[in-house]
Amino acid sequence: MAASFTPSLDGRYLLLGQSDEQDHSEISKFSKRDADAYFRYEAHLQKFSKVLDFVLDSPTPEILHEGASTVDLLRHKLQRSKFWAQCLGHTLSLGQKGMV
């Protein structure tokens, strides 16, 4: 769990990362509603980061030059289709609410 210290101008502060219970207590100092929603938010963020990890860690589909052979063009289309199919699969794993 990552630690985070956020001071505010009025002297209060938010210290996260000790435990789930402590994080809830810390956030509750500012907003009970936000504290109750925090773990749903954190779970959503984890799912979203998996999609971004896939996109950022994947090699980009290459752009072929004009004189490419038919075999190269077909291979290229297959690789791009595979990339976008995997990207779509990861995105759909977020669920409808997660994509908004």
PDB file of N, CA and C in Angstrom:
ATOM      1  N   MET A   1       0.854  -1.176   0.000  1.00  0.00           N
ATOM      2  CA  MET A   1       0.000   0.000   0.000  1.00  0.00           C
ATOM      3  C   MET A   1       0.900   1.238   0.000  1.00  0.00           C
ATOM      4  N   ALA A   2       0.649   2.158  -0.890  1.00  0.00           N
ATOM      5  CA  ALA A   2       1.469   3.363  -0.998  1.00  0.00           C
ATOM      6  C   ALA A   2       1.072   4.372   0.068  1.00  0.00           C
ATOM      7  N   ALA A   3       2.064   5.036   0.623  1.00  0.00           N
ATOM      8  CA  ALA A   3       1.804   6.056   1.638  1.00  0.00           C
ATOM      9  C   ALA A   3       1.656   7.415   0.967  1.00  0.00           C
ATOM     10  N   SER A   4       0.793   8.233   1.545  1.00  0.00           N
ATOM     11  CA  SER A   4       0.547   9.555   0.996  1.00  0.00           C
ATOM     12  C   SER A   4       0.258  10.520   2.141  1.00  0.00           C
ATOM     13  N   PHE A   5       0.947  11.662   2.160  1.00  0.00           N
ATOM     14  CA  PHE A   5       0.701  12.703   3.149  1.00  0.00           C
ATOM     15  C   PHE A   5       0.310  13.961   2.402  1.00  0.00           C
ATOM     16  N   THR A   6      -0.872  14.495   2.714  1.00  0.00           N
ATOM     17  CA  THR A   6      -1.370  15.688   2.038  1.00  0.00           C
ATOM     18  C   THR A   6      -1.771  16.729   3.074  1.00  0.00           C
ATOM     19  N   PRO A   7      -0.937  17.761   3.277  1.00  0.00           N
ATOM     20  CA  PRO A   7      -1.300  18.822   4.222  1.00  0.00           C
ATOM     21  C   PRO A   7      -2.265  19.811   3.569  1.00  0.00           C
ATOM     22  N   SER A   8      -3.065  20.483   4.395  1.00  0.00           N
ATOM     23  CA  SER A   8      -3.933  21.540   3.874  1.00  0.00           C
ATOM     24  C   SER A   8      -3.563  22.853   4.564  1.00  0.00           C
ATOM     25  N   LEU A   9      -3.993  23.946   3.990  1.00  0.00           N
ATOM     26  CA  LEU A   9      -3.624  25.264   4.503  1.00  0.00           C
ATOM     27  C   LEU A   9      -4.170  25.539   5.898  1.00  0.00           C
ATOM     28  N   ASP A  10      -5.283  24.890   6.259  1.00  0.00           N
ATOM     29  CA  ASP A  10      -5.881  25.143   7.574  1.00  0.00           C
ATOM     30  C   ASP A  10      -5.240  24.313   8.694  1.00  0.00           C
ATOM     31  N   GLY A  11      -4.162  23.587   8.377  1.00  0.00           N
ATOM     32  CA  GLY A  11      -3.456  22.812   9.390  1.00  0.00           C
ATOM     33  C   GLY A  11      -3.855  21.345   9.449  1.00  0.00           C
ATOM     34  N   ARG A  12      -4.988  21.017   8.850  1.00  0.00           N
ATOM     35  CA  ARG A  12      -5.375  19.605   8.822  1.00  0.00           C
ATOM     36  C   ARG A  12      -4.524  18.887   7.784  1.00  0.00           C
ATOM     37  N   TYR A  13      -4.549  17.573   7.822  1.00  0.00           N
ATOM     38  CA  TYR A  13      -3.789  16.784   6.860  1.00  0.00           C
ATOM     39  C   TYR A  13      -4.495  15.461   6.617  1.00  0.00           C
ATOM     40  N   LEU A  14      -4.107  14.824   5.531  1.00  0.00           N
ATOM     41  CA  LEU A  14      -4.626  13.510   5.170  1.00  0.00           C
ATOM     42  C   LEU A  14      -3.430  12.580   5.044  1.00  0.00           C
ATOM     43  N   LEU A  15      -3.407  11.520   5.844  1.00  0.00           N
ATOM     44  CA  LEU A  15      -2.320  10.545   5.829  1.00  0.00           C
ATOM     45  C   LEU A  15      -2.899   9.190   5.451  1.00  0.00           C
ATOM     46  N   LEU A  16      -2.527   8.705   4.274  1.00  0.00           N
ATOM     47  CA  LEU A  16      -3.046   7.429   3.776  1.00  0.00           C
ATOM     48  C   LEU A  16      -1.928   6.406   3.658  1.00  0.00           C
ATOM     49  N   GLY A  17      -2.303   5.133   3.713  1.00  0.00           N
ATOM     50  CA  GLY A  17      -1.361   4.066   3.445  1.00  0.00           C
ATOM     51  C   GLY A  17      -0.999   3.200   4.630  1.00  0.00           C
ATOM     52  N   GLN A  18      -1.576   3.472   5.803  1.00  0.00           N
ATOM     53  CA  GLN A  18      -1.234   2.666   6.973  1.00  0.00           C
ATOM     54  C   GLN A  18      -2.040   1.371   6.996  1.00  0.00           C
ATOM     55  N   SER A  19      -3.342   1.480   6.793  1.00  0.00           N
ATOM     56  CA  SER A  19      -4.232   0.318   6.730  1.00  0.00           C
ATOM     57  C   SER A  19      -5.557   0.787   6.149  1.00  0.00           C
ATOM     58  N   ASP A  20      -6.385  -0.157   5.720  1.00  0.00           N
ATOM     59  CA  ASP A  20      -7.694   0.212   5.175  1.00  0.00           C
ATOM     60  C   ASP A  20      -8.531   0.948   6.215  1.00  0.00           C
ATOM     61  N   GLU A  21      -8.517   0.453   7.438  1.00  0.00           N
ATOM     62  CA  GLU A  21      -9.308   1.075   8.507  1.00  0.00           C
ATOM     63  C   GLU A  21      -8.802   2.485   8.803  1.00  0.00           C
ATOM     64  N   GLN A  22      -7.485   2.636   8.858  1.00  0.00           N
ATOM     65  CA  GLN A  22      -6.903   3.952   9.129  1.00  0.00           C
ATOM     66  C   GLN A  22      -7.184   4.917   7.976  1.00  0.00           C
ATOM     67  N   ASP A  23      -7.104   4.430   6.737  1.00  0.00           N
ATOM     68  CA  ASP A  23      -7.412   5.280   5.583  1.00  0.00           C
ATOM     69  C   ASP A  23      -8.854   5.770   5.653  1.00  0.00           C
ATOM     70  N   HIS A  24      -9.771   4.869   5.994  1.00  0.00           N
ATOM     71  CA  HIS A  24     -11.184   5.250   6.118  1.00  0.00           C
ATOM     72  C   HIS A  24     -11.345   6.318   7.194  1.00  0.00           C
ATOM     73  N   SER A  25     -10.682   6.135   8.314  1.00  0.00           N
ATOM     74  CA  SER A  25     -10.758   7.100   9.414  1.00  0.00           C
ATOM     75  C   SER A  25     -10.190   8.457   8.995  1.00  0.00           C
ATOM     76  N   GLU A  26      -9.062   8.439   8.297  1.00  0.00           N
ATOM     77  CA  GLU A  26      -8.431   9.686   7.853  1.00  0.00           C
ATOM     78  C   GLU A  26      -9.331  10.445   6.877  1.00  0.00           C
ATOM     79  N   ILE A  27      -9.882   9.744   5.902  1.00  0.00           N
ATOM     80  CA  ILE A  27     -10.744  10.394   4.910  1.00  0.00           C
ATOM     81  C   ILE A  27     -12.015  10.903   5.572  1.00  0.00           C
ATOM     82  N   SER A  28     -12.509  10.179   6.576  1.00  0.00           N
ATOM     83  CA  SER A  28     -13.723  10.587   7.294  1.00  0.00           C
ATOM     84  C   SER A  28     -13.560  11.935   7.978  1.00  0.00           C
ATOM     85  N   LYS A  29     -12.332  12.322   8.308  1.00  0.00           N
ATOM     86  CA  LYS A  29     -12.098  13.641   8.914  1.00  0.00           C
ATOM     87  C   LYS A  29     -12.571  14.749   7.981  1.00  0.00           C
ATOM     88  N   PHE A  30     -12.563  14.474   6.688  1.00  0.00           N
ATOM     89  CA  PHE A  30     -12.965  15.460   5.691  1.00  0.00           C
ATOM     90  C   PHE A  30     -14.364  15.185   5.143  1.00  0.00           C
ATOM     91  N   SER A  31     -14.681  13.908   4.901  1.00  0.00           N
ATOM     92  CA  SER A  31     -15.983  13.562   4.329  1.00  0.00           C
ATOM     93  C   SER A  31     -16.290  12.089   4.585  1.00  0.00           C
ATOM     94  N   LYS A  32     -17.359  11.837   5.318  1.00  0.00           N
ATOM     95  CA  LYS A  32     -17.781  10.457   5.589  1.00  0.00           C
ATOM     96  C   LYS A  32     -18.192   9.776   4.282  1.00  0.00           C
ATOM     97  N   ARG A  33     -18.890  10.509   3.429  1.00  0.00           N
ATOM     98  CA  ARG A  33     -19.339   9.952   2.154  1.00  0.00           C
ATOM     99  C   ARG A  33     -18.152   9.549   1.275  1.00  0.00           C
ATOM    100  N   ASP A  34     -17.137  10.401   1.211  1.00  0.00           N
ATOM    101  CA  ASP A  34     -15.945  10.070   0.429  1.00  0.00           C
ATOM    102  C   ASP A  34     -15.209   8.872   1.022  1.00  0.00           C
ATOM    103  N   ALA A  35     -15.166   8.805   2.337  1.00  0.00           N
ATOM    104  CA  ALA A  35     -14.504   7.674   2.998  1.00  0.00           C
ATOM    105  C   ALA A  35     -15.206   6.367   2.649  1.00  0.00           C
ATOM    106  N   ASP A  36     -16.533   6.401   2.630  1.00  0.00           N
ATOM    107  CA  ASP A  36     -17.298   5.193   2.296  1.00  0.00           C
ATOM    108  C   ASP A  36     -17.117   4.789   0.829  1.00  0.00           C
ATOM    109  N   ALA A  37     -16.888   5.761  -0.043  1.00  0.00           N
ATOM    110  CA  ALA A  37     -16.742   5.488  -1.479  1.00  0.00           C
ATOM    111  C   ALA A  37     -15.297   5.194  -1.881  1.00  0.00           C
ATOM    112  N   TYR A  38     -14.350   5.472  -1.013  1.00  0.00           N
ATOM    113  CA  TYR A  38     -12.931   5.400  -1.371  1.00  0.00           C
ATOM    114  C   TYR A  38     -12.502   4.022  -1.872  1.00  0.00           C
ATOM    115  N   PHE A  39     -12.934   2.961  -1.234  1.00  0.00           N
ATOM    116  CA  PHE A  39     -12.471   1.630  -1.619  1.00  0.00           C
ATOM    117  C   PHE A  39     -13.093   1.173  -2.941  1.00  0.00           C
ATOM    118  N   ARG A  40     -14.313   1.626  -3.234  1.00  0.00           N
ATOM    119  CA  ARG A  40     -14.889   1.366  -4.558  1.00  0.00           C
ATOM    120  C   ARG A  40     -14.085   2.118  -5.626  1.00  0.00           C
ATOM    121  N   TYR A  41     -13.734   3.343  -5.310  1.00  0.00           N
ATOM    122  CA  TYR A  41     -12.920   4.154  -6.218  1.00  0.00           C
ATOM    123  C   TYR A  41     -11.561   3.489  -6.458  1.00  0.00           C
ATOM    124  N   GLU A  42     -10.932   3.024  -5.392  1.00  0.00           N
ATOM    125  CA  GLU A  42      -9.626   2.381  -5.501  1.00  0.00           C
ATOM    126  C   GLU A  42      -9.701   1.106  -6.363  1.00  0.00           C
ATOM    127  N   ALA A  43     -10.759   0.322  -6.190  1.00  0.00           N
ATOM    128  CA  ALA A  43     -10.948  -0.895  -6.992  1.00  0.00           C
ATOM    129  C   ALA A  43     -11.149  -0.535  -8.467  1.00  0.00           C
ATOM    130  N   HIS A  44     -11.932   0.507  -8.718  1.00  0.00           N
ATOM    131  CA  HIS A  44     -12.160   0.968 -10.091  1.00  0.00           C
ATOM    132  C   HIS A  44     -10.839   1.436 -10.715  1.00  0.00           C
ATOM    133  N   LEU A  45     -10.053   2.152  -9.955  1.00  0.00           N
ATOM    134  CA  LEU A  45      -8.771   2.644 -10.439  1.00  0.00           C
ATOM    135  C   LEU A  45      -7.826   1.492 -10.783  1.00  0.00           C
ATOM    136  N   GLN A  46      -7.854   0.427  -9.997  1.00  0.00           N
ATOM    137  CA  GLN A  46      -7.030  -0.752 -10.280  1.00  0.00           C
ATOM    138  C   GLN A  46      -7.420  -1.384 -11.617  1.00  0.00           C
ATOM    139  N   LYS A  47      -8.726  -1.525 -11.858  1.00  0.00           N
ATOM    140  CA  LYS A  47      -9.187  -2.095 -13.130  1.00  0.00           C
ATOM    141  C   LYS A  47      -8.760  -1.220 -14.304  1.00  0.00           C
ATOM    142  N   PHE A  48      -8.948   0.079 -14.143  1.00  0.00           N
ATOM    143  CA  PHE A  48      -8.611   1.014 -15.213  1.00  0.00           C
ATOM    144  C   PHE A  48      -7.111   0.997 -15.496  1.00  0.00           C
ATOM    145  N   SER A  49      -6.301   0.882 -14.451  1.00  0.00           N
ATOM    146  CA  SER A  49      -4.852   0.879 -14.652  1.00  0.00           C
ATOM    147  C   SER A  49      -4.398  -0.365 -15.415  1.00  0.00           C
ATOM    148  N   LYS A  50      -5.122  -1.485 -15.271  1.00  0.00           N
ATOM    149  CA  LYS A  50      -4.775  -2.687 -16.035  1.00  0.00           C
ATOM    150  C   LYS A  50      -4.975  -2.456 -17.530  1.00  0.00           C
ATOM    151  N   VAL A  51      -6.040  -1.736 -17.889  1.00  0.00           N
ATOM    152  CA  VAL A  51      -6.284  -1.415 -19.299  1.00  0.00           C
ATOM    153  C   VAL A  51      -5.180  -0.491 -19.814  1.00  0.00           C
ATOM    154  N   LEU A  52      -4.853   0.538 -19.039  1.00  0.00           N
ATOM    155  CA  LEU A  52      -3.801   1.456 -19.462  1.00  0.00           C
ATOM    156  C   LEU A  52      -2.450   0.759 -19.549  1.00  0.00           C
ATOM    157  N   ASP A  53      -2.157  -0.125 -18.603  1.00  0.00           N
ATOM    158  CA  ASP A  53      -0.901  -0.881 -18.651  1.00  0.00           C
ATOM    159  C   ASP A  53      -0.789  -1.654 -19.954  1.00  0.00           C
ATOM    160  N   PHE A  54      -1.883  -2.311 -20.349  1.00  0.00           N
ATOM    161  CA  PHE A  54      -1.865  -3.071 -21.599  1.00  0.00           C
ATOM    162  C   PHE A  54      -1.555  -2.160 -22.784  1.00  0.00           C
ATOM    163  N   VAL A  55      -2.246  -1.037 -22.863  1.00  0.00           N
ATOM    164  CA  VAL A  55      -2.064  -0.133 -24.002  1.00  0.00           C
ATOM    165  C   VAL A  55      -0.648   0.444 -24.007  1.00  0.00           C
ATOM    166  N   LEU A  56      -0.171   0.872 -22.844  1.00  0.00           N
ATOM    167  CA  LEU A  56       1.149   1.493 -22.783  1.00  0.00           C
ATOM    168  C   LEU A  56       2.289   0.492 -22.955  1.00  0.00           C
ATOM    169  N   ASP A  57       2.077  -0.743 -22.539  1.00  0.00           N
ATOM    170  CA  ASP A  57       3.126  -1.762 -22.637  1.00  0.00           C
ATOM    171  C   ASP A  57       3.144  -2.491 -23.980  1.00  0.00           C
ATOM    172  N   SER A  58       2.115  -2.299 -24.785  1.00  0.00           N
ATOM    173  CA  SER A  58       2.037  -2.980 -26.085  1.00  0.00           C
ATOM    174  C   SER A  58       2.780  -2.177 -27.145  1.00  0.00           C
ATOM    175  N   PRO A  59       3.467  -2.873 -28.033  1.00  0.00           N
ATOM    176  CA  PRO A  59       4.090  -2.139 -29.142  1.00  0.00           C
ATOM    177  C   PRO A  59       2.995  -1.577 -30.049  1.00  0.00           C
ATOM    178  N   THR A  60       3.236  -0.411 -30.571  1.00  0.00           N
ATOM    179  CA  THR A  60       2.241   0.192 -31.453  1.00  0.00           C
ATOM    180  C   THR A  60       2.202  -0.561 -32.777  1.00  0.00           C
ATOM    181  N   PRO A  61       1.021  -0.664 -33.376  1.00  0.00           N
ATOM    182  CA  PRO A  61       0.953  -1.282 -34.704  1.00  0.00           C
ATOM    183  C   PRO A  61       1.785  -0.449 -35.684  1.00  0.00           C
ATOM    184  N   GLU A  62       2.656  -1.104 -36.393  1.00  0.00           N
ATOM    185  CA  GLU A  62       3.551  -0.406 -37.324  1.00  0.00           C
ATOM    186  C   GLU A  62       2.787   0.054 -38.566  1.00  0.00           C
ATOM    187  N   ILE A  63       3.257   1.134 -39.138  1.00  0.00           N
ATOM    188  CA  ILE A  63       2.699   1.632 -40.392  1.00  0.00           C
ATOM    189  C   ILE A  63       3.582   1.098 -41.518  1.00  0.00           C
ATOM    190  N   LEU A  64       2.978   0.419 -42.461  1.00  0.00           N
ATOM    191  CA  LEU A  64       3.741  -0.171 -43.563  1.00  0.00           C
ATOM    192  C   LEU A  64       3.995   0.855 -44.662  1.00  0.00           C
ATOM    193  N   HIS A  65       5.106   0.687 -45.320  1.00  0.00           N
ATOM    194  CA  HIS A  65       5.412   1.568 -46.451  1.00  0.00           C
ATOM    195  C   HIS A  65       4.593   1.143 -47.667  1.00  0.00           C
ATOM    196  N   GLU A  66       4.573   1.991 -48.656  1.00  0.00           N
ATOM    197  CA  GLU A  66       3.709   1.791 -49.823  1.00  0.00           C
ATOM    198  C   GLU A  66       3.993   0.516 -50.610  1.00  0.00           C
ATOM    199  N   GLY A  67       5.235   0.076 -50.705  1.00  0.00           N
ATOM    200  CA  GLY A  67       5.574  -1.064 -51.539  1.00  0.00           C
ATOM    201  C   GLY A  67       5.535  -2.401 -50.816  1.00  0.00           C
ATOM    202  N   ALA A  68       4.805  -2.496 -49.712  1.00  0.00           N
ATOM    203  CA  ALA A  68       4.759  -3.737 -48.932  1.00  0.00           C
ATOM    204  C   ALA A  68       4.062  -4.841 -49.729  1.00  0.00           C
ATOM    205  N   SER A  69       4.529  -6.058 -49.524  1.00  0.00           N
ATOM    206  CA  SER A  69       3.938  -7.205 -50.227  1.00  0.00           C
ATOM    207  C   SER A  69       2.566  -7.540 -49.645  1.00  0.00           C
ATOM    208  N   THR A  70       1.813  -8.325 -50.378  1.00  0.00           N
ATOM    209  CA  THR A  70       0.488  -8.758 -49.922  1.00  0.00           C
ATOM    210  C   THR A  70       0.593  -9.538 -48.618  1.00  0.00           C
ATOM    211  N   VAL A  71       1.603 -10.385 -48.512  1.00  0.00           N
ATOM    212  CA  VAL A  71       1.803 -11.165 -47.280  1.00  0.00           C
ATOM    213  C   VAL A  71       2.075 -10.230 -46.105  1.00  0.00           C
ATOM    214  N   ASP A  72       2.922  -9.215 -46.330  1.00  0.00           N
ATOM    215  CA  ASP A  72       3.207  -8.245 -45.267  1.00  0.00           C
ATOM    216  C   ASP A  72       1.945  -7.479 -44.873  1.00  0.00           C
ATOM    217  N   LEU A  73       1.148  -7.096 -45.865  1.00  0.00           N
ATOM    218  CA  LEU A  73      -0.098  -6.383 -45.580  1.00  0.00           C
ATOM    219  C   LEU A  73      -1.054  -7.244 -44.761  1.00  0.00           C
ATOM    220  N   LEU A  74      -1.188  -8.511 -45.116  1.00  0.00           N
ATOM    221  CA  LEU A  74      -2.073  -9.416 -44.369  1.00  0.00           C
ATOM    222  C   LEU A  74      -1.557  -9.640 -42.946  1.00  0.00           C
ATOM    223  N   ARG A  75      -0.250  -9.842 -42.814  1.00  0.00           N
ATOM    224  CA  ARG A  75       0.351 -10.027 -41.493  1.00  0.00           C
ATOM    225  C   ARG A  75       0.108  -8.781 -40.629  1.00  0.00           C
ATOM    226  N   HIS A  76       0.287  -7.628 -41.253  1.00  0.00           N
ATOM    227  CA  HIS A  76       0.084  -6.356 -40.561  1.00  0.00           C
ATOM    228  C   HIS A  76      -1.368  -6.212 -40.085  1.00  0.00           C
ATOM    229  N   LYS A  77      -2.315  -6.517 -40.951  1.00  0.00           N
ATOM    230  CA  LYS A  77      -3.730  -6.425 -40.577  1.00  0.00           C
ATOM    231  C   LYS A  77      -4.066  -7.397 -39.453  1.00  0.00           C
ATOM    232  N   LEU A  78      -3.496  -8.593 -39.501  1.00  0.00           N
ATOM    233  CA  LEU A  78      -3.724  -9.579 -38.452  1.00  0.00           C
ATOM    234  C   LEU A  78      -3.170  -9.095 -37.112  1.00  0.00           C
ATOM    235  N   GLN A  79      -1.963  -8.533 -37.120  1.00  0.00           N
ATOM    236  CA  GLN A  79      -1.363  -8.025 -35.888  1.00  0.00           C
ATOM    237  C   GLN A  79      -2.184  -6.872 -35.317  1.00  0.00           C
ATOM    238  N   ARG A  80      -2.627  -5.976 -36.191  1.00  0.00           N
ATOM    239  CA  ARG A  80      -3.443  -4.848 -35.724  1.00  0.00           C
ATOM    240  C   ARG A  80      -4.776  -5.338 -35.179  1.00  0.00           C
ATOM    241  N   SER A  81      -5.380  -6.318 -35.845  1.00  0.00           N
ATOM    242  CA  SER A  81      -6.654  -6.873 -35.375  1.00  0.00           C
ATOM    243  C   SER A  81      -6.479  -7.514 -34.004  1.00  0.00           C
ATOM    244  N   LYS A  82      -5.383  -8.247 -33.825  1.00  0.00           N
ATOM    245  CA  LYS A  82      -5.108  -8.889 -32.537  1.00  0.00           C
ATOM    246  C   LYS A  82      -4.942  -7.834 -31.444  1.00  0.00           C
ATOM    247  N   PHE A  83      -4.180  -6.774 -31.740  1.00  0.00           N
ATOM    248  CA  PHE A  83      -3.974  -5.693 -30.772  1.00  0.00           C
ATOM    249  C   PHE A  83      -5.304  -5.076 -30.358  1.00  0.00           C
ATOM    250  N   TRP A  84      -6.134  -4.696 -31.336  1.00  0.00           N
ATOM    251  CA  TRP A  84      -7.400  -4.032 -31.027  1.00  0.00           C
ATOM    252  C   TRP A  84      -8.384  -4.978 -30.348  1.00  0.00           C
ATOM    253  N   ALA A  85      -8.348  -6.255 -30.690  1.00  0.00           N
ATOM    254  CA  ALA A  85      -9.212  -7.228 -30.012  1.00  0.00           C
ATOM    255  C   ALA A  85      -8.819  -7.354 -28.542  1.00  0.00           C
ATOM    256  N   GLN A  86      -7.519  -7.401 -28.268  1.00  0.00           N
ATOM    257  CA  GLN A  86      -7.062  -7.472 -26.877  1.00  0.00           C
ATOM    258  C   GLN A  86      -7.403  -6.188 -26.133  1.00  0.00           C
ATOM    259  N   CYS A  87      -7.231  -5.066 -26.802  1.00  0.00           N
ATOM    260  CA  CYS A  87      -7.562  -3.776 -26.192  1.00  0.00           C
ATOM    261  C   CYS A  87      -9.052  -3.717 -25.855  1.00  0.00           C
ATOM    262  N   LEU A  88      -9.883  -4.158 -26.778  1.00  0.00           N
ATOM    263  CA  LEU A  88     -11.325  -4.189 -26.544  1.00  0.00           C
ATOM    264  C   LEU A  88     -11.665  -5.123 -25.389  1.00  0.00           C
ATOM    265  N   GLY A  89     -11.031  -6.282 -25.338  1.00  0.00           N
ATOM    266  CA  GLY A  89     -11.271  -7.222 -24.242  1.00  0.00           C
ATOM    267  C   GLY A  89     -10.944  -6.622 -22.890  1.00  0.00           C
ATOM    268  N   HIS A  90      -9.812  -5.931 -22.797  1.00  0.00           N
ATOM    269  CA  HIS A  90      -9.440  -5.285 -21.533  1.00  0.00           C
ATOM    270  C   HIS A  90     -10.431  -4.177 -21.180  1.00  0.00           C
ATOM    271  N   THR A  91     -10.851  -3.417 -22.172  1.00  0.00           N
ATOM    272  CA  THR A  91     -11.794  -2.326 -21.923  1.00  0.00           C
ATOM    273  C   THR A  91     -13.146  -2.864 -21.469  1.00  0.00           C
ATOM    274  N   LEU A  92     -13.620  -3.924 -22.112  1.00  0.00           N
ATOM    275  CA  LEU A  92     -14.906  -4.508 -21.721  1.00  0.00           C
ATOM    276  C   LEU A  92     -14.856  -5.099 -20.317  1.00  0.00           C
ATOM    277  N   SER A  93     -13.666  -5.482 -19.850  1.00  0.00           N
ATOM    278  CA  SER A  93     -13.549  -6.026 -18.495  1.00  0.00           C
ATOM    279  C   SER A  93     -13.871  -4.980 -17.435  1.00  0.00           C
ATOM    280  N   LEU A  94     -13.843  -3.695 -17.812  1.00  0.00           N
ATOM    281  CA  LEU A  94     -14.213  -2.637 -16.870  1.00  0.00           C
ATOM    282  C   LEU A  94     -15.707  -2.656 -16.572  1.00  0.00           C
ATOM    283  N   GLY A  95     -16.497  -3.161 -17.494  1.00  0.00           N
ATOM    284  CA  GLY A  95     -17.947  -3.114 -17.345  1.00  0.00           C
ATOM    285  C   GLY A  95     -18.471  -1.773 -17.825  1.00  0.00           C
ATOM    286  N   GLN A  96     -19.770  -1.692 -18.002  1.00  0.00           N
ATOM    287  CA  GLN A  96     -20.377  -0.474 -18.551  1.00  0.00           C
ATOM    288  C   GLN A  96     -20.159   0.729 -17.639  1.00  0.00           C
ATOM    289  N   LYS A  97     -20.335   0.556 -16.329  1.00  0.00           N
ATOM    290  CA  LYS A  97     -20.151   1.677 -15.410  1.00  0.00           C
ATOM    291  C   LYS A  97     -18.704   2.142 -15.381  1.00  0.00           C
ATOM    292  N   GLY A  98     -17.770   1.199 -15.534  1.00  0.00           N
ATOM    293  CA  GLY A  98     -16.361   1.536 -15.469  1.00  0.00           C
ATOM    294  C   GLY A  98     -15.854   2.323 -16.651  1.00  0.00           C
ATOM    295  N   MET A  99     -16.582   2.283 -17.760  1.00  0.00           N
ATOM    296  CA  MET A  99     -16.138   2.994 -18.949  1.00  0.00           C
ATOM    297  C   MET A  99     -16.595   4.440 -18.969  1.00  0.00           C
ATOM    298  N   VAL A 100     -17.445   4.822 -18.054  1.00  0.00           N
ATOM    299  CA  VAL A 100     -17.972   6.186 -18.043  1.00  0.00           C
ATOM    300  C   VAL A 100     -17.148   7.054 -17.135  1.00  0.00           C
TER     301      VAL A 100
END
